[in-house]
Amino acid sequence: MNAYICKSGTLGTLNFESEDADTEDRSMQPVYISLNGTKMANKLNSMMDHVWDGFYTGQKRLSRFPGLIDGDQGVYNLTFTGSPAKKMKFTFISENKTAGMTLRIAYPSAVSRAMIKDGKTIEYTQWDEKLHMYGPITQSYCGENRYIGVKNIFEFYLEQGCTVHIIPRDAI
């Protein structure tokens, strides 16, 4: 057979999408998913255009991205080549109930973000005086998050079966 047999038991699908009003008009792709500390990188494009306006396509493309991820508790970087959406939804689906990963998004602006899970805001990790920033992600619960100021990186933990939303947050 001409195939690769994967023996990892923690594979799953990371699904993320824009929840902004311009989700069909804004181009955020391609989006690169890379495993921190390795050369692994996966390039994702958004969903195919299925709108027909007479003879031509409607030039609308839903900003939704499915990616195959090894949920072995690693740290993955999401790099958008276009401006990331202000509001986004993330879900991880795996057969392994213990699968999960930390996701890091470097934003081009200093707008603070909030994590929403089950309609409730999940606060950032505890402030760490030694690090002079919010404490690291311990991967202890889905939605655990922190914002790394100056670098504008939003970091959060996502586990199997969990859905979270990222929205702008008013902060001074």
N, C-alpha and C. Protein backbone atom coordinates (compact mmCIF):
# COMPACT_ATOMS: atom_id res chain seq x y z
N MET A 1 0.84 -1.17 0.00
CA MET A 1 0.00 0.00 0.00
C MET A 1 0.89 1.23 0.00
N ASN A 2 0.44 2.27 -0.66
CA ASN A 2 1.17 3.52 -0.72
C ASN A 2 0.55 4.47 0.31
N ALA A 3 0.95 4.30 1.57
CA ALA A 3 0.34 5.09 2.64
C ALA A 3 1.28 5.17 3.82
N TYR A 4 0.98 6.11 4.70
CA TYR A 4 1.72 6.26 5.94
C TYR A 4 0.79 5.84 7.07
N ILE A 5 1.27 4.99 7.94
CA ILE A 5 0.47 4.56 9.08
C ILE A 5 0.94 5.32 10.31
N CYS A 6 0.05 6.10 10.87
CA CYS A 6 0.38 6.91 12.03
C CYS A 6 -0.05 6.16 13.29
N LYS A 7 0.86 6.06 14.23
CA LYS A 7 0.56 5.32 15.45
C LYS A 7 0.32 6.24 16.65
N SER A 8 0.25 7.54 16.40
CA SER A 8 -0.02 8.49 17.48
C SER A 8 -1.49 8.38 17.89
N GLY A 9 -1.73 8.28 19.17
CA GLY A 9 -3.10 8.16 19.67
C GLY A 9 -3.71 9.49 20.06
N THR A 10 -3.00 10.60 19.82
CA THR A 10 -3.50 11.90 20.27
C THR A 10 -3.82 12.84 19.11
N LEU A 11 -3.93 12.30 17.89
CA LEU A 11 -4.26 13.15 16.76
C LEU A 11 -5.68 13.67 16.87
N GLY A 12 -5.89 14.87 16.34
CA GLY A 12 -7.21 15.46 16.34
C GLY A 12 -7.29 16.57 15.33
N THR A 13 -8.45 17.17 15.22
CA THR A 13 -8.68 18.27 14.29
C THR A 13 -8.88 19.56 15.07
N LEU A 14 -8.02 20.54 14.78
CA LEU A 14 -8.18 21.88 15.33
C LEU A 14 -9.00 22.66 14.31
N ASN A 15 -10.14 23.16 14.73
CA ASN A 15 -10.99 23.98 13.87
C ASN A 15 -11.05 25.38 14.45
N PHE A 16 -10.74 26.37 13.62
CA PHE A 16 -10.88 27.75 14.08
C PHE A 16 -11.44 28.59 12.95
N GLU A 17 -12.18 29.63 13.34
CA GLU A 17 -12.84 30.47 12.35
C GLU A 17 -13.09 31.87 12.89
N SER A 18 -13.21 32.80 11.95
CA SER A 18 -13.55 34.17 12.27
C SER A 18 -15.02 34.26 12.64
N GLU A 19 -15.33 35.08 13.64
CA GLU A 19 -16.72 35.36 13.99
C GLU A 19 -17.04 36.83 13.72
N ASP A 20 -16.17 37.51 12.96
CA ASP A 20 -16.39 38.90 12.58
C ASP A 20 -17.44 38.97 11.48
N ALA A 21 -18.04 40.14 11.30
CA ALA A 21 -19.05 40.33 10.26
C ALA A 21 -18.48 40.14 8.86
N ASP A 22 -17.18 40.40 8.69
CA ASP A 22 -16.55 40.29 7.37
C ASP A 22 -15.89 38.93 7.16
N THR A 23 -16.40 37.89 7.79
CA THR A 23 -15.78 36.56 7.73
C THR A 23 -15.68 36.00 6.31
N GLU A 24 -16.56 36.43 5.41
CA GLU A 24 -16.50 35.95 4.02
C GLU A 24 -15.69 36.87 3.12
N ASP A 25 -15.35 38.06 3.59
CA ASP A 25 -14.65 39.04 2.76
C ASP A 25 -13.18 39.19 3.13
N ARG A 26 -12.83 39.08 4.42
CA ARG A 26 -11.45 39.29 4.85
C ARG A 26 -10.61 38.07 4.53
N SER A 27 -9.41 38.33 4.06
CA SER A 27 -8.49 37.24 3.75
C SER A 27 -7.42 37.15 4.84
N MET A 28 -7.50 36.14 5.67
CA MET A 28 -6.51 35.92 6.74
C MET A 28 -5.52 34.84 6.34
N GLN A 29 -5.75 34.19 5.23
CA GLN A 29 -4.95 33.04 4.85
C GLN A 29 -3.83 33.41 3.91
N PRO A 30 -2.85 32.52 3.81
CA PRO A 30 -2.75 31.26 4.54
C PRO A 30 -2.40 31.48 6.00
N VAL A 31 -2.74 30.51 6.82
CA VAL A 31 -2.40 30.50 8.24
C VAL A 31 -1.42 29.35 8.44
N TYR A 32 -0.33 29.63 9.13
CA TYR A 32 0.68 28.62 9.39
C TYR A 32 0.55 28.11 10.82
N ILE A 33 0.51 26.79 10.98
CA ILE A 33 0.54 26.16 12.30
C ILE A 33 1.90 25.52 12.42
N SER A 34 2.65 25.90 13.45
CA SER A 34 3.98 25.32 13.63
C SER A 34 4.15 24.86 15.07
N LEU A 35 4.79 23.72 15.22
CA LEU A 35 5.06 23.17 16.55
C LEU A 35 6.29 23.86 17.10
N ASN A 36 6.15 24.51 18.23
CA ASN A 36 7.23 25.28 18.84
C ASN A 36 8.47 24.41 19.07
N GLY A 37 9.62 24.90 18.65
CA GLY A 37 10.87 24.18 18.88
C GLY A 37 11.19 23.14 17.83
N THR A 38 10.37 23.02 16.78
CA THR A 38 10.61 22.04 15.72
C THR A 38 10.50 22.72 14.36
N LYS A 39 10.77 21.96 13.31
CA LYS A 39 10.62 22.49 11.95
C LYS A 39 9.24 22.19 11.38
N MET A 40 8.39 21.51 12.18
CA MET A 40 7.05 21.17 11.70
C MET A 40 6.25 22.44 11.43
N ALA A 41 5.73 22.55 10.23
CA ALA A 41 4.88 23.69 9.87
C ALA A 41 3.83 23.21 8.87
N ASN A 42 2.62 23.66 9.05
CA ASN A 42 1.51 23.27 8.19
C ASN A 42 0.85 24.54 7.70
N LYS A 43 0.65 24.66 6.39
CA LYS A 43 0.01 25.84 5.82
C LYS A 43 -1.45 25.53 5.53
N LEU A 44 -2.36 26.34 6.08
CA LEU A 44 -3.80 26.15 5.88
C LEU A 44 -4.39 27.30 5.09
N ASN A 45 -5.30 26.97 4.19
CA ASN A 45 -6.09 27.98 3.50
C ASN A 45 -7.53 27.83 3.94
N SER A 46 -8.31 28.89 3.76
CA SER A 46 -9.70 28.85 4.21
C SER A 46 -10.57 28.03 3.26
N MET A 47 -11.81 27.88 3.64
CA MET A 47 -12.75 27.05 2.90
C MET A 47 -12.94 27.54 1.47
N MET A 48 -13.30 26.63 0.60
CA MET A 48 -13.50 26.91 -0.82
C MET A 48 -14.70 27.82 -1.05
N ASP A 49 -14.61 28.61 -2.11
CA ASP A 49 -15.71 29.49 -2.53
C ASP A 49 -16.82 28.63 -3.13
N HIS A 50 -18.02 28.67 -2.53
CA HIS A 50 -19.15 27.90 -3.06
C HIS A 50 -20.29 28.80 -3.50
N VAL A 51 -20.02 30.09 -3.64
CA VAL A 51 -21.06 31.04 -4.02
C VAL A 51 -20.95 31.29 -5.52
N TRP A 52 -22.05 31.11 -6.24
CA TRP A 52 -22.06 31.38 -7.67
C TRP A 52 -23.02 32.53 -7.94
N ASP A 53 -22.53 33.51 -8.69
CA ASP A 53 -23.31 34.70 -9.01
C ASP A 53 -23.46 34.75 -10.54
N GLY A 54 -24.32 33.90 -11.05
CA GLY A 54 -24.45 33.80 -12.50
C GLY A 54 -23.32 32.97 -13.07
N PHE A 55 -22.54 33.54 -13.96
CA PHE A 55 -21.46 32.82 -14.62
C PHE A 55 -20.19 32.76 -13.76
N TYR A 56 -19.97 33.74 -12.88
CA TYR A 56 -18.74 33.83 -12.10
C TYR A 56 -18.98 33.47 -10.64
N THR A 57 -17.90 33.14 -9.94
CA THR A 57 -18.02 32.90 -8.51
C THR A 57 -18.27 34.22 -7.81
N GLY A 58 -18.80 34.15 -6.59
CA GLY A 58 -19.13 35.35 -5.83
C GLY A 58 -17.94 35.96 -5.12
N GLN A 59 -16.78 35.33 -5.21
CA GLN A 59 -15.56 35.82 -4.55
C GLN A 59 -15.72 35.94 -3.04
N LYS A 60 -16.53 35.08 -2.46
CA LYS A 60 -16.70 35.03 -1.00
C LYS A 60 -16.10 33.73 -0.52
N ARG A 61 -15.34 33.81 0.57
CA ARG A 61 -14.65 32.63 1.10
C ARG A 61 -14.73 32.68 2.62
N LEU A 62 -15.37 31.70 3.22
CA LEU A 62 -15.53 31.64 4.67
C LEU A 62 -14.18 31.49 5.36
N SER A 63 -13.90 32.32 6.34
CA SER A 63 -12.63 32.25 7.08
C SER A 63 -12.72 31.17 8.16
N ARG A 64 -12.69 29.93 7.70
CA ARG A 64 -12.75 28.76 8.59
C ARG A 64 -11.60 27.83 8.21
N PHE A 65 -10.88 27.34 9.23
CA PHE A 65 -9.67 26.57 8.98
C PHE A 65 -9.67 25.28 9.79
N PRO A 66 -9.62 24.10 9.14
CA PRO A 66 -9.42 22.84 9.86
C PRO A 66 -7.96 22.39 9.71
N GLY A 67 -7.36 21.96 10.80
CA GLY A 67 -5.97 21.50 10.74
C GLY A 67 -5.77 20.25 11.56
N LEU A 68 -4.96 19.33 11.06
CA LEU A 68 -4.63 18.11 11.79
C LEU A 68 -3.54 18.43 12.80
N ILE A 69 -3.78 18.10 14.08
CA ILE A 69 -2.87 18.43 15.17
C ILE A 69 -2.60 17.20 16.01
N ASP A 70 -1.36 17.06 16.47
CA ASP A 70 -1.04 16.02 17.45
C ASP A 70 -1.23 16.64 18.83
N GLY A 71 -2.29 16.27 19.50
CA GLY A 71 -2.64 16.86 20.80
C GLY A 71 -1.88 16.22 21.94
N ASP A 72 -0.55 16.22 21.84
CA ASP A 72 0.30 15.59 22.86
C ASP A 72 0.81 16.60 23.88
N GLN A 73 0.03 17.66 24.13
CA GLN A 73 0.33 18.71 25.10
C GLN A 73 1.46 19.63 24.64
N GLY A 74 1.72 19.71 23.35
CA GLY A 74 2.75 20.60 22.81
C GLY A 74 2.27 22.04 22.74
N VAL A 75 3.15 22.91 22.24
CA VAL A 75 2.85 24.33 22.07
C VAL A 75 2.92 24.65 20.58
N TYR A 76 1.81 25.14 20.03
CA TYR A 76 1.72 25.44 18.60
C TYR A 76 1.56 26.94 18.40
N ASN A 77 2.25 27.47 17.39
CA ASN A 77 2.14 28.87 17.01
C ASN A 77 1.21 28.97 15.80
N LEU A 78 0.26 29.90 15.84
CA LEU A 78 -0.59 30.20 14.70
C LEU A 78 -0.12 31.54 14.14
N THR A 79 0.29 31.53 12.88
CA THR A 79 0.78 32.75 12.24
C THR A 79 -0.14 33.09 11.08
N PHE A 80 -0.80 34.23 11.17
CA PHE A 80 -1.71 34.69 10.13
C PHE A 80 -0.94 35.58 9.17
N THR A 81 -1.13 35.39 7.86
CA THR A 81 -0.46 36.24 6.89
C THR A 81 -1.29 37.49 6.59
N GLY A 82 -2.57 37.45 6.95
CA GLY A 82 -3.43 38.63 6.88
C GLY A 82 -3.76 39.05 8.30
N SER A 83 -4.52 40.11 8.45
CA SER A 83 -4.91 40.56 9.79
C SER A 83 -5.84 39.55 10.43
N PRO A 84 -5.50 39.06 11.62
CA PRO A 84 -6.39 38.10 12.30
C PRO A 84 -7.73 38.75 12.65
N ALA A 85 -8.76 37.95 12.68
CA ALA A 85 -10.09 38.45 13.05
C ALA A 85 -10.09 38.93 14.49
N LYS A 86 -10.96 39.86 14.80
CA LYS A 86 -11.09 40.36 16.17
C LYS A 86 -11.74 39.30 17.06
N LYS A 87 -12.76 38.64 16.52
CA LYS A 87 -13.46 37.59 17.26
C LYS A 87 -13.22 36.26 16.57
N MET A 88 -12.79 35.26 17.33
CA MET A 88 -12.51 33.95 16.76
C MET A 88 -13.04 32.84 17.65
N LYS A 89 -13.35 31.71 17.02
CA LYS A 89 -13.83 30.52 17.73
C LYS A 89 -12.85 29.39 17.46
N PHE A 90 -12.49 28.62 18.52
CA PHE A 90 -11.57 27.50 18.42
C PHE A 90 -12.19 26.26 19.04
N THR A 91 -12.05 25.12 18.35
CA THR A 91 -12.51 23.82 18.85
C THR A 91 -11.47 22.77 18.51
N PHE A 92 -11.24 21.83 19.44
CA PHE A 92 -10.33 20.72 19.17
C PHE A 92 -11.11 19.43 19.35
N ILE A 93 -11.06 18.56 18.33
CA ILE A 93 -11.79 17.29 18.35
C ILE A 93 -10.80 16.15 18.19
N SER A 94 -10.82 15.22 19.15
CA SER A 94 -9.92 14.07 19.11
C SER A 94 -10.63 12.88 19.75
N GLU A 95 -10.24 11.68 19.35
CA GLU A 95 -10.76 10.48 19.98
C GLU A 95 -10.15 10.27 21.37
N ASN A 96 -8.98 10.82 21.59
CA ASN A 96 -8.28 10.70 22.86
C ASN A 96 -8.79 11.77 23.83
N LYS A 97 -9.36 11.36 24.93
CA LYS A 97 -9.96 12.29 25.89
C LYS A 97 -8.93 13.15 26.64
N THR A 98 -7.64 12.78 26.60
CA THR A 98 -6.61 13.55 27.30
C THR A 98 -5.81 14.45 26.35
N ALA A 99 -6.17 14.47 25.07
CA ALA A 99 -5.44 15.27 24.09
C ALA A 99 -5.69 16.76 24.30
N GLY A 100 -4.65 17.55 24.05
CA GLY A 100 -4.76 19.00 24.16
C GLY A 100 -3.46 19.66 23.74
N MET A 101 -3.49 21.00 23.62
CA MET A 101 -2.29 21.74 23.26
C MET A 101 -2.43 23.20 23.65
N THR A 102 -1.29 23.86 23.76
CA THR A 102 -1.27 25.30 23.98
C THR A 102 -1.13 25.96 22.61
N LEU A 103 -1.95 26.96 22.36
CA LEU A 103 -1.89 27.72 21.11
C LEU A 103 -1.41 29.13 21.40
N ARG A 104 -0.56 29.64 20.51
CA ARG A 104 -0.01 31.00 20.65
C ARG A 104 -0.31 31.78 19.38
N ILE A 105 -0.91 32.95 19.54
CA ILE A 105 -1.21 33.82 18.39
C ILE A 105 -0.50 35.15 18.61
N ALA A 106 0.38 35.51 17.69
CA ALA A 106 1.05 36.82 17.73
C ALA A 106 0.19 37.80 16.95
N TYR A 107 -0.36 38.79 17.63
CA TYR A 107 -1.22 39.77 17.00
C TYR A 107 -0.41 40.98 16.56
N PRO A 108 -0.80 41.64 15.45
CA PRO A 108 -0.06 42.81 14.97
C PRO A 108 -0.37 44.09 15.74
N SER A 109 -1.33 44.04 16.66
CA SER A 109 -1.70 45.24 17.42
C SER A 109 -1.69 44.93 18.91
N ALA A 110 -1.73 45.98 19.70
CA ALA A 110 -1.66 45.84 21.15
C ALA A 110 -3.04 45.74 21.81
N VAL A 111 -4.07 45.42 21.05
CA VAL A 111 -5.40 45.26 21.62
C VAL A 111 -5.41 44.04 22.52
N SER A 112 -5.90 44.22 23.74
CA SER A 112 -5.98 43.11 24.68
C SER A 112 -7.13 42.18 24.28
N ARG A 113 -6.97 40.88 24.57
CA ARG A 113 -7.98 39.89 24.22
C ARG A 113 -8.56 39.24 25.47
N ALA A 114 -9.78 38.71 25.35
CA ALA A 114 -10.42 37.97 26.43
C ALA A 114 -10.80 36.59 25.92
N MET A 115 -10.76 35.60 26.83
CA MET A 115 -11.14 34.22 26.52
C MET A 115 -12.53 33.97 27.07
N ILE A 116 -13.42 33.47 26.23
CA ILE A 116 -14.79 33.16 26.63
C ILE A 116 -15.01 31.66 26.46
N LYS A 117 -15.52 31.02 27.51
CA LYS A 117 -15.84 29.59 27.46
C LYS A 117 -17.20 29.41 28.13
N ASP A 118 -18.12 28.76 27.45
CA ASP A 118 -19.47 28.54 27.97
C ASP A 118 -20.14 29.85 28.39
N GLY A 119 -19.88 30.92 27.63
CA GLY A 119 -20.50 32.21 27.90
C GLY A 119 -19.87 33.01 29.04
N LYS A 120 -18.81 32.49 29.65
CA LYS A 120 -18.17 33.18 30.78
C LYS A 120 -16.73 33.54 30.43
N THR A 121 -16.30 34.69 30.92
CA THR A 121 -14.92 35.12 30.71
C THR A 121 -13.98 34.35 31.62
N ILE A 122 -12.91 33.83 31.04
CA ILE A 122 -11.88 33.15 31.83
C ILE A 122 -10.72 34.12 31.97
N GLU A 123 -10.41 34.49 33.19
CA GLU A 123 -9.35 35.47 33.45
C GLU A 123 -7.98 34.91 33.09
N TYR A 124 -7.03 35.83 32.89
CA TYR A 124 -5.65 35.44 32.61
C TYR A 124 -5.08 34.65 33.80
N THR A 125 -3.97 33.97 33.57
CA THR A 125 -3.27 33.29 34.66
C THR A 125 -2.82 34.32 35.69
N GLN A 126 -2.43 33.85 36.86
CA GLN A 126 -1.99 34.73 37.93
C GLN A 126 -0.73 35.51 37.52
N TRP A 127 -0.65 36.77 37.93
CA TRP A 127 0.52 37.60 37.64
C TRP A 127 1.74 37.04 38.36
N ASP A 128 2.87 36.97 37.68
CA ASP A 128 4.11 36.44 38.26
C ASP A 128 5.11 37.59 38.40
N GLU A 129 5.37 37.98 39.63
CA GLU A 129 6.28 39.11 39.90
C GLU A 129 7.70 38.85 39.39
N LYS A 130 8.16 37.60 39.49
CA LYS A 130 9.52 37.28 39.03
C LYS A 130 9.65 37.45 37.52
N LEU A 131 8.61 37.06 36.79
CA LEU A 131 8.64 37.15 35.33
C LEU A 131 8.21 38.53 34.82
N HIS A 132 7.56 39.32 35.69
CA HIS A 132 6.99 40.62 35.33
C HIS A 132 5.96 40.48 34.21
N MET A 133 5.18 39.41 34.28
CA MET A 133 4.12 39.15 33.32
C MET A 133 3.19 38.09 33.89
N TYR A 134 2.14 37.79 33.16
CA TYR A 134 1.24 36.73 33.61
C TYR A 134 1.97 35.40 33.58
N GLY A 135 1.64 34.52 34.54
CA GLY A 135 2.32 33.24 34.68
C GLY A 135 2.13 32.34 33.47
N PRO A 136 3.02 31.36 33.28
CA PRO A 136 2.94 30.48 32.12
C PRO A 136 1.70 29.59 32.15
N ILE A 137 1.34 29.09 30.98
CA ILE A 137 0.21 28.17 30.84
C ILE A 137 0.63 26.81 31.38
N THR A 138 -0.13 26.28 32.34
CA THR A 138 0.21 25.00 32.96
C THR A 138 -0.56 23.83 32.33
N GLN A 139 -1.46 24.13 31.40
CA GLN A 139 -2.30 23.13 30.73
C GLN A 139 -3.15 22.35 31.73
N SER A 140 -3.67 23.05 32.74
CA SER A 140 -4.47 22.39 33.76
C SER A 140 -5.97 22.43 33.47
N TYR A 141 -6.44 23.34 32.61
CA TYR A 141 -7.86 23.38 32.26
C TYR A 141 -8.03 24.08 30.91
N CYS A 142 -9.08 23.69 30.20
CA CYS A 142 -9.35 24.28 28.90
C CYS A 142 -9.74 25.75 29.06
N GLY A 143 -9.12 26.59 28.27
CA GLY A 143 -9.38 28.02 28.34
C GLY A 143 -8.37 28.79 29.17
N GLU A 144 -7.47 28.07 29.86
CA GLU A 144 -6.41 28.75 30.61
C GLU A 144 -5.66 29.65 29.63
N ASN A 145 -5.46 30.93 29.98
CA ASN A 145 -4.89 31.86 29.02
C ASN A 145 -4.08 32.96 29.67
N ARG A 146 -3.26 33.60 28.84
CA ARG A 146 -2.51 34.77 29.28
C ARG A 146 -2.20 35.62 28.06
N TYR A 147 -1.94 36.89 28.32
CA TYR A 147 -1.54 37.83 27.27
C TYR A 147 -0.13 38.28 27.58
N ILE A 148 0.76 38.13 26.61
CA ILE A 148 2.15 38.56 26.79
C ILE A 148 2.27 39.94 26.16
N GLY A 149 2.29 40.97 27.03
CA GLY A 149 2.36 42.34 26.57
C GLY A 149 3.67 42.63 25.83
N VAL A 150 3.73 43.75 25.15
CA VAL A 150 4.85 44.21 24.33
C VAL A 150 5.03 43.30 23.11
N LYS A 151 5.04 41.97 23.30
CA LYS A 151 5.14 41.03 22.18
C LYS A 151 3.77 40.79 21.53
N ASN A 152 2.70 41.17 22.22
CA ASN A 152 1.32 41.02 21.74
C ASN A 152 0.98 39.58 21.37
N ILE A 153 1.32 38.66 22.26
CA ILE A 153 1.02 37.25 22.04
C ILE A 153 -0.08 36.82 23.01
N PHE A 154 -1.14 36.24 22.44
CA PHE A 154 -2.20 35.67 23.25
C PHE A 154 -1.99 34.16 23.24
N GLU A 155 -1.93 33.57 24.42
CA GLU A 155 -1.60 32.16 24.58
C GLU A 155 -2.72 31.49 25.37
N PHE A 156 -3.16 30.30 24.93
CA PHE A 156 -4.22 29.62 25.65
C PHE A 156 -4.13 28.11 25.46
N TYR A 157 -4.76 27.38 26.40
CA TYR A 157 -4.78 25.92 26.36
C TYR A 157 -6.13 25.46 25.85
N LEU A 158 -6.10 24.49 24.92
CA LEU A 158 -7.31 23.93 24.35
C LEU A 158 -7.22 22.42 24.44
N GLU A 159 -8.25 21.79 24.98
CA GLU A 159 -8.25 20.33 25.10
C GLU A 159 -9.40 19.74 24.32
N GLN A 160 -9.37 18.44 24.17
CA GLN A 160 -10.34 17.68 23.39
C GLN A 160 -11.77 18.03 23.80
N GLY A 161 -12.61 18.30 22.80
CA GLY A 161 -14.02 18.55 23.05
C GLY A 161 -14.34 19.94 23.55
N CYS A 162 -13.38 20.80 23.66
CA CYS A 162 -13.57 22.13 24.23
C CYS A 162 -13.71 23.17 23.12
N THR A 163 -14.62 24.12 23.30
CA THR A 163 -14.79 25.25 22.39
C THR A 163 -14.61 26.54 23.17
N VAL A 164 -13.77 27.42 22.64
CA VAL A 164 -13.52 28.72 23.27
C VAL A 164 -13.64 29.81 22.22
N HIS A 165 -13.85 31.03 22.70
CA HIS A 165 -13.96 32.19 21.83
C HIS A 165 -12.96 33.24 22.31
N ILE A 166 -12.34 33.93 21.37
CA ILE A 166 -11.47 35.06 21.69
C ILE A 166 -12.16 36.32 21.19
N ILE A 167 -12.26 37.32 22.08
CA ILE A 167 -12.89 38.58 21.70
C ILE A 167 -12.00 39.72 22.19
N PRO A 168 -12.15 40.93 21.60
CA PRO A 168 -11.40 42.08 22.12
C PRO A 168 -11.84 42.39 23.56
N ARG A 169 -10.92 42.91 24.34
CA ARG A 169 -11.18 43.21 25.75
C ARG A 169 -10.80 44.66 26.01
N ASP A 170 -11.67 45.39 26.70
CA ASP A 170 -11.33 46.76 27.07
C ASP A 170 -10.30 46.73 28.18
N ALA A 171 -9.17 47.35 27.93
CA ALA A 171 -8.10 47.38 28.94
C ALA A 171 -7.30 48.66 28.77
N ILE A 172 -6.77 49.14 29.87
CA ILE A 172 -5.93 50.33 29.83
C ILE A 172 -4.51 49.93 30.14
